[in-house]
């Protein structure tokens, strides 16, 4: 029993993102860009904004993604993104990771998953 408990504690320590709130997406940038890191940051921010619906649910879904982006078109939103990270995997391939607990909307929004 102690071994199982120790294994659980080790997994919880080394895999803290198992709570379902941390997400990661790969994306490509233009290799001919004069400022590839700035372009990567802009694309990463766009990815986070497009997937901000994940703050309301732990489930990734194409229909929820489309519903959220349809909602955003009719209701401009303003948000702050903190503690996101970008890593370069190849010359053109990047990865953005973010925790939805660190997405803060600047004003209340009237969006719920039940609308979708």
N, C-alpha and C. Protein backbone atom coordinates (compact mmCIF):
# COMPACT_ATOMS: atom_id res chain seq x y z
N UNK A 1 0.82 -1.19 0.00
CA UNK A 1 0.00 0.00 0.00
C UNK A 1 0.87 1.26 0.00
N UNK A 2 1.98 1.22 0.76
CA UNK A 2 2.87 2.37 0.81
C UNK A 2 3.48 2.65 -0.57
N UNK A 3 3.77 1.58 -1.30
CA UNK A 3 4.35 1.74 -2.64
C UNK A 3 3.38 2.44 -3.58
N UNK A 4 2.12 2.07 -3.51
CA UNK A 4 1.11 2.71 -4.36
C UNK A 4 0.99 4.19 -4.00
N UNK A 5 0.96 4.48 -2.70
CA UNK A 5 0.85 5.87 -2.25
C UNK A 5 2.07 6.68 -2.69
N UNK A 6 3.26 6.13 -2.53
CA UNK A 6 4.49 6.82 -2.95
C UNK A 6 4.48 7.07 -4.46
N UNK A 7 4.02 6.09 -5.23
CA UNK A 7 3.92 6.25 -6.68
C UNK A 7 2.96 7.38 -7.03
N UNK A 8 1.83 7.42 -6.34
CA UNK A 8 0.86 8.49 -6.58
C UNK A 8 1.45 9.86 -6.27
N UNK A 9 2.15 9.98 -5.15
CA UNK A 9 2.78 11.26 -4.76
C UNK A 9 3.81 11.66 -5.80
N UNK A 10 4.63 10.73 -6.26
CA UNK A 10 5.64 11.04 -7.28
C UNK A 10 4.98 11.50 -8.58
N UNK A 11 3.91 10.82 -8.99
CA UNK A 11 3.21 11.22 -10.22
C UNK A 11 2.60 12.61 -10.06
N UNK A 12 2.01 12.88 -8.92
CA UNK A 12 1.41 14.20 -8.69
C UNK A 12 2.47 15.29 -8.70
N UNK A 13 3.67 14.97 -8.20
CA UNK A 13 4.75 15.95 -8.17
C UNK A 13 5.34 16.18 -9.55
N UNK A 14 5.60 15.13 -10.29
CA UNK A 14 6.27 15.26 -11.59
C UNK A 14 5.31 15.55 -12.74
N UNK A 15 4.02 15.33 -12.56
CA UNK A 15 3.04 15.59 -13.60
C UNK A 15 1.93 16.49 -13.07
N UNK A 16 2.26 17.73 -12.68
CA UNK A 16 1.24 18.60 -12.07
C UNK A 16 0.15 19.02 -13.04
N UNK A 17 0.34 18.86 -14.35
CA UNK A 17 -0.67 19.29 -15.31
C UNK A 17 -1.77 18.25 -15.50
N UNK A 18 -1.82 17.22 -14.68
CA UNK A 18 -2.86 16.22 -14.79
C UNK A 18 -4.22 16.75 -14.36
N UNK A 19 -4.25 17.98 -13.84
CA UNK A 19 -5.53 18.55 -13.42
C UNK A 19 -6.37 18.97 -14.62
N UNK A 20 -5.85 18.88 -15.83
CA UNK A 20 -6.63 19.15 -17.02
C UNK A 20 -6.72 20.62 -17.39
N UNK A 21 -5.94 21.47 -16.77
CA UNK A 21 -6.02 22.89 -17.05
C UNK A 21 -4.85 23.40 -17.89
N UNK A 22 -3.84 22.58 -18.11
CA UNK A 22 -2.71 23.01 -18.92
C UNK A 22 -2.83 22.40 -20.31
N UNK A 23 -2.64 23.26 -21.32
CA UNK A 23 -2.79 22.82 -22.71
C UNK A 23 -1.55 23.22 -23.50
N UNK A 24 -1.31 22.50 -24.57
CA UNK A 24 -0.13 22.72 -25.39
C UNK A 24 -0.50 22.52 -26.86
N UNK A 25 -0.04 23.44 -27.70
CA UNK A 25 -0.33 23.38 -29.14
C UNK A 25 0.96 23.64 -29.92
N UNK A 26 1.16 22.89 -30.99
CA UNK A 26 2.27 23.13 -31.91
C UNK A 26 1.79 24.02 -33.05
N UNK A 27 2.69 24.86 -33.55
CA UNK A 27 2.36 25.71 -34.70
C UNK A 27 3.62 26.04 -35.48
N UNK A 28 3.43 26.40 -36.74
CA UNK A 28 4.53 26.74 -37.62
C UNK A 28 4.54 28.24 -37.89
N UNK A 29 5.74 28.79 -38.09
CA UNK A 29 5.87 30.20 -38.47
C UNK A 29 6.55 30.29 -39.82
N UNK A 30 6.54 31.48 -40.36
CA UNK A 30 7.21 31.77 -41.63
C UNK A 30 8.71 31.84 -41.37
N UNK A 31 9.48 30.99 -42.01
CA UNK A 31 10.93 30.98 -41.79
C UNK A 31 11.61 32.20 -42.40
N UNK A 32 10.91 32.94 -43.25
CA UNK A 32 11.50 34.13 -43.88
C UNK A 32 11.20 35.41 -43.10
N UNK A 33 10.56 35.29 -41.96
CA UNK A 33 10.20 36.46 -41.16
C UNK A 33 11.46 37.16 -40.63
N UNK A 34 11.41 38.50 -40.62
CA UNK A 34 12.54 39.27 -40.10
C UNK A 34 12.62 39.14 -38.57
N UNK A 35 11.49 38.87 -37.93
CA UNK A 35 11.43 38.76 -36.48
C UNK A 35 10.69 37.46 -36.09
N UNK A 36 11.33 36.32 -36.26
CA UNK A 36 10.62 35.05 -36.04
C UNK A 36 10.11 34.87 -34.61
N UNK A 37 10.84 35.37 -33.61
CA UNK A 37 10.39 35.21 -32.23
C UNK A 37 9.16 36.06 -31.94
N UNK A 38 9.12 37.27 -32.49
CA UNK A 38 7.93 38.12 -32.31
C UNK A 38 6.73 37.54 -33.04
N UNK A 39 6.97 37.00 -34.22
CA UNK A 39 5.89 36.35 -34.97
C UNK A 39 5.37 35.14 -34.18
N UNK A 40 6.28 34.38 -33.61
CA UNK A 40 5.88 33.21 -32.81
C UNK A 40 5.05 33.65 -31.61
N UNK A 41 5.43 34.73 -30.95
CA UNK A 41 4.67 35.22 -29.79
C UNK A 41 3.27 35.66 -30.22
N UNK A 42 3.18 36.36 -31.34
CA UNK A 42 1.87 36.81 -31.84
C UNK A 42 0.98 35.62 -32.19
N UNK A 43 1.54 34.62 -32.86
CA UNK A 43 0.77 33.44 -33.21
C UNK A 43 0.36 32.66 -31.96
N UNK A 44 1.26 32.58 -30.98
CA UNK A 44 0.95 31.89 -29.73
C UNK A 44 -0.21 32.58 -29.01
N UNK A 45 -0.17 33.91 -28.95
CA UNK A 45 -1.26 34.66 -28.32
C UNK A 45 -2.58 34.41 -29.03
N UNK A 46 -2.53 34.36 -30.35
CA UNK A 46 -3.75 34.09 -31.12
C UNK A 46 -4.29 32.70 -30.82
N UNK A 47 -3.40 31.73 -30.71
CA UNK A 47 -3.81 30.36 -30.38
C UNK A 47 -4.47 30.33 -29.00
N UNK A 48 -3.88 31.02 -28.04
CA UNK A 48 -4.44 31.04 -26.68
C UNK A 48 -5.81 31.70 -26.69
N UNK A 49 -5.95 32.82 -27.38
CA UNK A 49 -7.25 33.51 -27.45
C UNK A 49 -8.29 32.63 -28.13
N UNK A 50 -7.90 31.97 -29.22
CA UNK A 50 -8.84 31.09 -29.93
C UNK A 50 -9.25 29.89 -29.09
N UNK A 51 -8.44 29.54 -28.12
CA UNK A 51 -8.74 28.38 -27.27
C UNK A 51 -9.06 28.77 -25.83
N UNK A 52 -9.37 30.03 -25.60
CA UNK A 52 -9.70 30.50 -24.24
C UNK A 52 -10.98 29.87 -23.71
N UNK A 53 -11.80 29.29 -24.58
CA UNK A 53 -13.00 28.58 -24.12
C UNK A 53 -12.63 27.45 -23.16
N UNK A 54 -11.39 26.98 -23.21
CA UNK A 54 -10.94 25.91 -22.34
C UNK A 54 -10.93 26.33 -20.87
N UNK A 55 -11.04 27.63 -20.63
CA UNK A 55 -11.16 28.12 -19.25
C UNK A 55 -12.50 27.67 -18.65
N UNK A 56 -13.49 27.43 -19.50
CA UNK A 56 -14.83 27.07 -19.05
C UNK A 56 -15.07 25.56 -19.04
N UNK A 57 -14.16 24.80 -19.61
CA UNK A 57 -14.32 23.34 -19.70
C UNK A 57 -12.94 22.70 -19.80
N UNK A 58 -12.85 21.45 -19.43
CA UNK A 58 -11.59 20.71 -19.57
C UNK A 58 -11.54 19.92 -20.86
N UNK A 59 -12.63 19.98 -21.62
CA UNK A 59 -12.77 19.13 -22.80
C UNK A 59 -12.45 19.92 -24.08
N UNK A 60 -11.46 19.44 -24.83
CA UNK A 60 -11.19 20.03 -26.14
C UNK A 60 -12.22 19.50 -27.12
N UNK A 61 -12.78 20.40 -27.91
CA UNK A 61 -13.83 19.99 -28.83
C UNK A 61 -13.86 20.96 -30.00
N UNK A 62 -13.95 20.41 -31.20
CA UNK A 62 -14.03 21.27 -32.38
C UNK A 62 -15.30 22.11 -32.36
N UNK A 63 -16.42 21.52 -31.92
CA UNK A 63 -17.67 22.28 -31.90
C UNK A 63 -17.62 23.40 -30.85
N UNK A 64 -17.01 23.15 -29.69
CA UNK A 64 -16.86 24.20 -28.68
C UNK A 64 -15.91 25.29 -29.17
N UNK A 65 -14.85 24.88 -29.85
CA UNK A 65 -13.89 25.83 -30.43
C UNK A 65 -14.61 26.76 -31.42
N UNK A 66 -15.41 26.17 -32.30
CA UNK A 66 -16.13 26.96 -33.30
C UNK A 66 -17.18 27.85 -32.64
N UNK A 67 -17.85 27.34 -31.63
CA UNK A 67 -18.85 28.12 -30.90
C UNK A 67 -18.19 29.32 -30.22
N UNK A 68 -17.05 29.09 -29.55
CA UNK A 68 -16.32 30.17 -28.87
C UNK A 68 -15.89 31.24 -29.87
N UNK A 69 -15.34 30.82 -31.00
CA UNK A 69 -14.87 31.79 -31.98
C UNK A 69 -16.01 32.52 -32.66
N UNK A 70 -17.15 31.89 -32.80
CA UNK A 70 -18.35 32.57 -33.30
C UNK A 70 -18.82 33.60 -32.28
N UNK A 71 -18.79 33.24 -31.01
CA UNK A 71 -19.15 34.17 -29.93
C UNK A 71 -18.22 35.38 -29.93
N UNK A 72 -16.91 35.13 -30.08
CA UNK A 72 -15.92 36.22 -30.06
C UNK A 72 -16.13 37.22 -31.20
N UNK A 73 -16.58 36.75 -32.35
CA UNK A 73 -16.80 37.65 -33.49
C UNK A 73 -17.89 38.67 -33.20
N UNK A 74 -18.92 38.25 -32.48
CA UNK A 74 -20.01 39.15 -32.15
C UNK A 74 -19.82 39.88 -30.84
N UNK A 75 -18.87 39.45 -30.03
CA UNK A 75 -18.64 40.03 -28.71
C UNK A 75 -17.15 40.20 -28.48
N UNK A 76 -16.60 41.35 -28.85
CA UNK A 76 -15.17 41.54 -28.65
C UNK A 76 -14.79 41.33 -27.18
N UNK A 77 -13.71 40.63 -26.96
CA UNK A 77 -13.25 40.38 -25.59
C UNK A 77 -11.86 40.95 -25.39
N UNK A 78 -11.55 41.21 -24.16
CA UNK A 78 -10.23 41.68 -23.79
C UNK A 78 -9.74 40.79 -22.65
N UNK A 79 -8.55 40.26 -22.79
CA UNK A 79 -8.05 39.37 -21.75
C UNK A 79 -6.55 39.54 -21.56
N UNK A 80 -6.10 39.08 -20.41
CA UNK A 80 -4.67 39.06 -20.10
C UNK A 80 -4.23 37.61 -20.03
N UNK A 81 -3.08 37.35 -20.61
CA UNK A 81 -2.51 36.01 -20.62
C UNK A 81 -1.20 36.07 -19.84
N UNK A 82 -1.10 35.27 -18.80
CA UNK A 82 0.15 35.23 -18.06
C UNK A 82 0.61 33.79 -17.94
N UNK A 83 1.89 33.64 -17.74
CA UNK A 83 2.51 32.32 -17.54
C UNK A 83 2.31 31.36 -18.71
N UNK A 84 2.36 31.88 -19.91
CA UNK A 84 2.39 30.99 -21.08
C UNK A 84 3.84 30.87 -21.51
N UNK A 85 4.17 29.79 -22.17
CA UNK A 85 5.55 29.62 -22.62
C UNK A 85 5.57 29.14 -24.06
N UNK A 86 6.61 29.58 -24.74
CA UNK A 86 6.83 29.18 -26.13
C UNK A 86 8.19 28.51 -26.20
N UNK A 87 8.24 27.37 -26.86
CA UNK A 87 9.51 26.70 -27.10
C UNK A 87 9.66 26.45 -28.59
N UNK A 88 10.86 26.63 -29.05
CA UNK A 88 11.16 26.38 -30.46
C UNK A 88 11.61 24.94 -30.60
N UNK A 89 10.92 24.20 -31.47
CA UNK A 89 11.26 22.79 -31.68
C UNK A 89 12.16 22.61 -32.89
N UNK A 90 11.89 23.37 -33.95
CA UNK A 90 12.74 23.38 -35.14
C UNK A 90 12.80 24.83 -35.60
N UNK A 91 13.39 25.06 -36.75
CA UNK A 91 13.49 26.43 -37.25
C UNK A 91 12.12 27.08 -37.41
N UNK A 92 11.13 26.32 -37.83
CA UNK A 92 9.80 26.88 -38.08
C UNK A 92 8.72 26.36 -37.12
N UNK A 93 9.01 25.30 -36.38
CA UNK A 93 8.01 24.69 -35.49
C UNK A 93 8.19 25.18 -34.06
N UNK A 94 7.09 25.68 -33.49
CA UNK A 94 7.07 26.16 -32.12
C UNK A 94 5.98 25.43 -31.35
N UNK A 95 6.07 25.52 -30.03
CA UNK A 95 5.03 24.96 -29.17
C UNK A 95 4.67 26.03 -28.13
N UNK A 96 3.38 26.23 -27.93
CA UNK A 96 2.91 27.13 -26.88
C UNK A 96 2.20 26.30 -25.84
N UNK A 97 2.51 26.57 -24.58
CA UNK A 97 1.84 25.92 -23.45
C UNK A 97 1.24 27.00 -22.57
N UNK A 98 0.05 26.73 -22.07
CA UNK A 98 -0.58 27.69 -21.18
C UNK A 98 -1.52 26.97 -20.23
N UNK A 99 -1.75 27.62 -19.11
CA UNK A 99 -2.66 27.12 -18.10
C UNK A 99 -3.87 28.04 -18.10
N UNK A 100 -5.06 27.48 -18.26
CA UNK A 100 -6.26 28.31 -18.36
C UNK A 100 -6.54 29.07 -17.07
N UNK A 101 -5.95 28.64 -15.97
CA UNK A 101 -6.12 29.40 -14.72
C UNK A 101 -5.43 30.76 -14.80
N UNK A 102 -4.56 30.94 -15.79
CA UNK A 102 -3.83 32.21 -15.94
C UNK A 102 -4.35 33.05 -17.10
N UNK A 103 -5.57 32.78 -17.52
CA UNK A 103 -6.25 33.63 -18.50
C UNK A 103 -7.28 34.45 -17.72
N UNK A 104 -7.14 35.75 -17.76
CA UNK A 104 -8.04 36.64 -17.02
C UNK A 104 -8.76 37.56 -18.01
N UNK A 105 -10.08 37.54 -17.96
CA UNK A 105 -10.88 38.43 -18.79
C UNK A 105 -10.95 39.80 -18.11
N UNK A 106 -10.74 40.87 -18.89
CA UNK A 106 -10.72 42.22 -18.33
C UNK A 106 -12.10 42.72 -17.94
N UNK A 107 -13.12 42.19 -18.56
CA UNK A 107 -14.48 42.52 -18.16
C UNK A 107 -15.32 41.26 -18.29
N UNK A 108 -16.40 41.17 -17.53
CA UNK A 108 -17.22 39.95 -17.58
C UNK A 108 -17.73 39.66 -18.99
N UNK A 109 -17.78 38.40 -19.32
CA UNK A 109 -18.34 38.00 -20.61
C UNK A 109 -19.52 37.09 -20.36
N UNK A 110 -20.45 37.11 -21.28
CA UNK A 110 -21.66 36.30 -21.15
C UNK A 110 -21.56 35.06 -22.03
N UNK A 111 -20.59 34.22 -21.73
CA UNK A 111 -20.41 32.99 -22.48
C UNK A 111 -20.49 31.81 -21.54
N UNK A 112 -21.21 30.79 -21.96
CA UNK A 112 -21.20 29.54 -21.20
C UNK A 112 -21.23 28.39 -22.19
N UNK A 113 -20.71 27.27 -21.76
CA UNK A 113 -20.64 26.08 -22.61
C UNK A 113 -22.03 25.64 -23.03
N UNK A 114 -23.03 25.90 -22.20
CA UNK A 114 -24.39 25.47 -22.53
C UNK A 114 -24.95 26.20 -23.75
N UNK A 115 -24.33 27.31 -24.15
CA UNK A 115 -24.77 28.04 -25.35
C UNK A 115 -24.43 27.27 -26.63
N UNK A 116 -23.52 26.35 -26.53
CA UNK A 116 -22.99 25.68 -27.74
C UNK A 116 -23.78 24.47 -28.15
